[in-house]
N, C-alpha and C. Protein backbone atom coordinates (compact mmCIF):
# COMPACT_ATOMS: atom_id res chain seq x y z
N UNK A 1 -11.80 -11.44 31.25
CA UNK A 1 -10.64 -10.57 31.15
C UNK A 1 -10.16 -10.54 29.70
N UNK A 2 -9.91 -9.34 29.19
CA UNK A 2 -9.48 -9.17 27.81
C UNK A 2 -8.09 -9.75 27.58
N UNK A 3 -7.88 -10.25 26.38
CA UNK A 3 -6.59 -10.83 25.98
C UNK A 3 -6.10 -10.10 24.74
N UNK A 4 -4.91 -9.54 24.80
CA UNK A 4 -4.33 -8.84 23.65
C UNK A 4 -3.47 -9.81 22.85
N UNK A 5 -3.73 -9.89 21.56
CA UNK A 5 -3.00 -10.78 20.67
C UNK A 5 -2.13 -9.98 19.71
N UNK A 6 -0.91 -10.43 19.51
CA UNK A 6 -0.02 -9.86 18.51
C UNK A 6 -0.31 -10.56 17.19
N UNK A 7 -0.48 -9.78 16.13
CA UNK A 7 -0.73 -10.34 14.81
C UNK A 7 0.39 -9.83 13.90
N UNK A 8 1.26 -10.72 13.47
CA UNK A 8 2.44 -10.30 12.71
C UNK A 8 2.42 -10.75 11.27
N UNK A 9 3.43 -10.27 10.54
CA UNK A 9 3.63 -10.62 9.14
C UNK A 9 2.43 -10.23 8.28
N UNK A 10 1.85 -9.07 8.56
CA UNK A 10 0.68 -8.61 7.81
C UNK A 10 1.10 -7.89 6.54
N UNK A 11 0.25 -7.97 5.55
CA UNK A 11 0.41 -7.17 4.34
C UNK A 11 0.27 -5.70 4.74
N UNK A 12 0.96 -4.83 4.05
CA UNK A 12 0.82 -3.40 4.33
C UNK A 12 -0.56 -2.88 3.95
N UNK A 13 -1.33 -3.68 3.22
CA UNK A 13 -2.67 -3.31 2.81
C UNK A 13 -3.75 -3.73 3.80
N UNK A 14 -3.40 -4.52 4.80
CA UNK A 14 -4.38 -5.00 5.77
C UNK A 14 -4.85 -3.85 6.66
N UNK A 15 -6.16 -3.73 6.80
CA UNK A 15 -6.75 -2.63 7.58
C UNK A 15 -7.30 -3.13 8.91
N UNK A 16 -7.58 -2.17 9.79
CA UNK A 16 -8.22 -2.52 11.07
C UNK A 16 -9.57 -3.17 10.82
N UNK A 17 -10.31 -2.66 9.85
CA UNK A 17 -11.62 -3.23 9.52
C UNK A 17 -11.52 -4.68 9.07
N UNK A 18 -10.53 -4.98 8.26
CA UNK A 18 -10.32 -6.36 7.79
C UNK A 18 -10.01 -7.28 8.96
N UNK A 19 -9.15 -6.83 9.88
CA UNK A 19 -8.82 -7.65 11.04
C UNK A 19 -10.03 -7.82 11.96
N UNK A 20 -10.79 -6.75 12.13
CA UNK A 20 -11.98 -6.83 12.97
C UNK A 20 -12.96 -7.87 12.41
N UNK A 21 -13.16 -7.85 11.11
CA UNK A 21 -14.05 -8.82 10.46
C UNK A 21 -13.52 -10.24 10.63
N UNK A 22 -12.23 -10.42 10.44
CA UNK A 22 -11.61 -11.73 10.53
C UNK A 22 -11.72 -12.31 11.95
N UNK A 23 -11.41 -11.51 12.96
CA UNK A 23 -11.39 -11.99 14.33
C UNK A 23 -12.79 -12.05 14.97
N UNK A 24 -13.74 -11.28 14.47
CA UNK A 24 -15.09 -11.24 15.04
C UNK A 24 -15.78 -12.60 14.98
N UNK A 25 -15.37 -13.42 14.06
CA UNK A 25 -15.93 -14.76 13.91
C UNK A 25 -15.69 -15.62 15.16
N UNK A 26 -14.67 -15.26 15.95
CA UNK A 26 -14.27 -16.08 17.09
C UNK A 26 -14.65 -15.49 18.44
N UNK A 27 -15.26 -14.33 18.44
CA UNK A 27 -15.71 -13.73 19.70
C UNK A 27 -15.69 -12.22 19.65
N UNK A 28 -16.10 -11.63 20.76
CA UNK A 28 -16.18 -10.18 20.87
C UNK A 28 -14.79 -9.55 20.86
N UNK A 29 -14.67 -8.46 20.15
CA UNK A 29 -13.40 -7.74 20.04
C UNK A 29 -13.48 -6.46 20.83
N UNK A 30 -12.48 -6.21 21.67
CA UNK A 30 -12.39 -4.96 22.43
C UNK A 30 -11.76 -3.86 21.58
N UNK A 31 -10.67 -4.18 20.88
CA UNK A 31 -9.99 -3.17 20.07
C UNK A 31 -9.10 -3.83 19.03
N UNK A 32 -8.82 -3.06 17.97
CA UNK A 32 -7.89 -3.48 16.94
C UNK A 32 -6.99 -2.28 16.66
N UNK A 33 -5.69 -2.53 16.60
CA UNK A 33 -4.75 -1.44 16.35
C UNK A 33 -3.65 -1.90 15.39
N UNK A 34 -3.71 -1.38 14.17
CA UNK A 34 -2.65 -1.64 13.19
C UNK A 34 -1.57 -0.60 13.47
N UNK A 35 -0.36 -1.06 13.70
CA UNK A 35 0.73 -0.17 14.06
C UNK A 35 1.30 0.48 12.80
N UNK A 36 1.43 1.81 12.85
CA UNK A 36 1.92 2.57 11.70
C UNK A 36 3.20 3.31 12.05
N UNK A 37 3.95 3.63 11.02
CA UNK A 37 5.16 4.42 11.17
C UNK A 37 4.77 5.86 11.51
N UNK A 38 5.39 6.40 12.50
CA UNK A 38 5.04 7.74 12.99
C UNK A 38 5.29 8.81 11.92
N UNK A 39 6.33 8.67 11.14
CA UNK A 39 6.68 9.69 10.17
C UNK A 39 5.91 9.58 8.86
N UNK A 40 5.74 8.36 8.36
CA UNK A 40 5.09 8.18 7.06
C UNK A 40 3.62 7.83 7.16
N UNK A 41 3.19 7.31 8.30
CA UNK A 41 1.81 6.88 8.45
C UNK A 41 1.51 5.54 7.81
N UNK A 42 2.52 4.91 7.21
CA UNK A 42 2.33 3.60 6.59
C UNK A 42 2.32 2.50 7.63
N UNK A 43 1.52 1.46 7.42
CA UNK A 43 1.52 0.33 8.35
C UNK A 43 2.90 -0.34 8.41
N UNK A 44 3.23 -0.85 9.59
CA UNK A 44 4.53 -1.51 9.79
C UNK A 44 4.46 -3.03 9.57
N UNK A 45 3.27 -3.57 9.33
CA UNK A 45 3.16 -5.00 9.07
C UNK A 45 2.77 -5.84 10.27
N UNK A 46 2.33 -5.17 11.35
CA UNK A 46 1.83 -5.93 12.49
C UNK A 46 0.74 -5.14 13.19
N UNK A 47 -0.01 -5.85 14.05
CA UNK A 47 -1.14 -5.23 14.73
C UNK A 47 -1.36 -5.93 16.07
N UNK A 48 -2.25 -5.34 16.87
CA UNK A 48 -2.71 -5.95 18.11
C UNK A 48 -4.22 -6.02 18.06
N UNK A 49 -4.75 -7.18 18.40
CA UNK A 49 -6.19 -7.39 18.48
C UNK A 49 -6.49 -7.80 19.91
N UNK A 50 -7.38 -7.06 20.56
CA UNK A 50 -7.74 -7.37 21.94
C UNK A 50 -9.11 -8.03 21.94
N UNK A 51 -9.12 -9.29 22.34
CA UNK A 51 -10.35 -10.07 22.41
C UNK A 51 -10.94 -9.93 23.82
N UNK A 52 -12.27 -9.97 23.92
CA UNK A 52 -12.96 -9.73 25.19
C UNK A 52 -12.70 -10.83 26.22
N UNK A 53 -12.53 -12.06 25.76
CA UNK A 53 -12.33 -13.17 26.70
C UNK A 53 -11.15 -14.03 26.27
N UNK A 54 -10.63 -14.75 27.22
CA UNK A 54 -9.52 -15.66 26.92
C UNK A 54 -9.98 -16.77 25.98
N UNK A 55 -11.21 -17.24 26.15
CA UNK A 55 -11.74 -18.29 25.29
C UNK A 55 -11.80 -17.84 23.83
N UNK A 56 -12.23 -16.60 23.62
CA UNK A 56 -12.30 -16.05 22.26
C UNK A 56 -10.89 -15.94 21.68
N UNK A 57 -9.95 -15.49 22.50
CA UNK A 57 -8.56 -15.35 22.05
C UNK A 57 -7.99 -16.70 21.66
N UNK A 58 -8.22 -17.71 22.48
CA UNK A 58 -7.71 -19.05 22.18
C UNK A 58 -8.33 -19.62 20.92
N UNK A 59 -9.64 -19.38 20.72
CA UNK A 59 -10.31 -19.86 19.51
C UNK A 59 -9.72 -19.18 18.27
N UNK A 60 -9.46 -17.89 18.35
CA UNK A 60 -8.87 -17.16 17.23
C UNK A 60 -7.47 -17.66 16.94
N UNK A 61 -6.69 -17.90 17.97
CA UNK A 61 -5.33 -18.40 17.78
C UNK A 61 -5.35 -19.76 17.09
N UNK A 62 -6.21 -20.67 17.57
CA UNK A 62 -6.29 -22.00 16.96
C UNK A 62 -6.68 -21.91 15.49
N UNK A 63 -7.64 -21.05 15.18
CA UNK A 63 -8.16 -20.98 13.83
C UNK A 63 -7.27 -20.20 12.87
N UNK A 64 -6.59 -19.18 13.37
CA UNK A 64 -5.90 -18.26 12.47
C UNK A 64 -4.38 -18.39 12.44
N UNK A 65 -3.81 -19.16 13.35
CA UNK A 65 -2.35 -19.31 13.38
C UNK A 65 -1.87 -19.89 12.06
N UNK A 66 -0.99 -19.16 11.39
CA UNK A 66 -0.43 -19.61 10.13
C UNK A 66 -1.29 -19.30 8.91
N UNK A 67 -2.46 -18.69 9.12
CA UNK A 67 -3.35 -18.40 8.00
C UNK A 67 -2.86 -17.17 7.23
N UNK A 68 -2.99 -17.21 5.91
CA UNK A 68 -2.62 -16.08 5.07
C UNK A 68 -3.81 -15.15 4.91
N UNK A 69 -3.54 -13.87 5.10
CA UNK A 69 -4.59 -12.85 4.99
C UNK A 69 -4.09 -11.76 4.03
N UNK A 70 -4.90 -11.35 3.10
CA UNK A 70 -4.54 -10.29 2.15
C UNK A 70 -3.21 -10.58 1.45
N UNK A 71 -3.05 -11.77 0.99
CA UNK A 71 -1.84 -12.23 0.29
C UNK A 71 -0.68 -12.28 1.24
């Protein structure tokens, strides 16, 4: 069963591709969605990453919690 993870405090320069690369190390990814402002199209500084399994999600959480990405 897929697990959706909230990824917060992101740089406005962080892309879906960067997150996909970062999280792929811990398991299969179902989807990545960087949330953007509807009017400006600029990223809001958070995203959702959906991992294919709970085990992959837990591994990503353990490895990436508190990690700095893109400054």
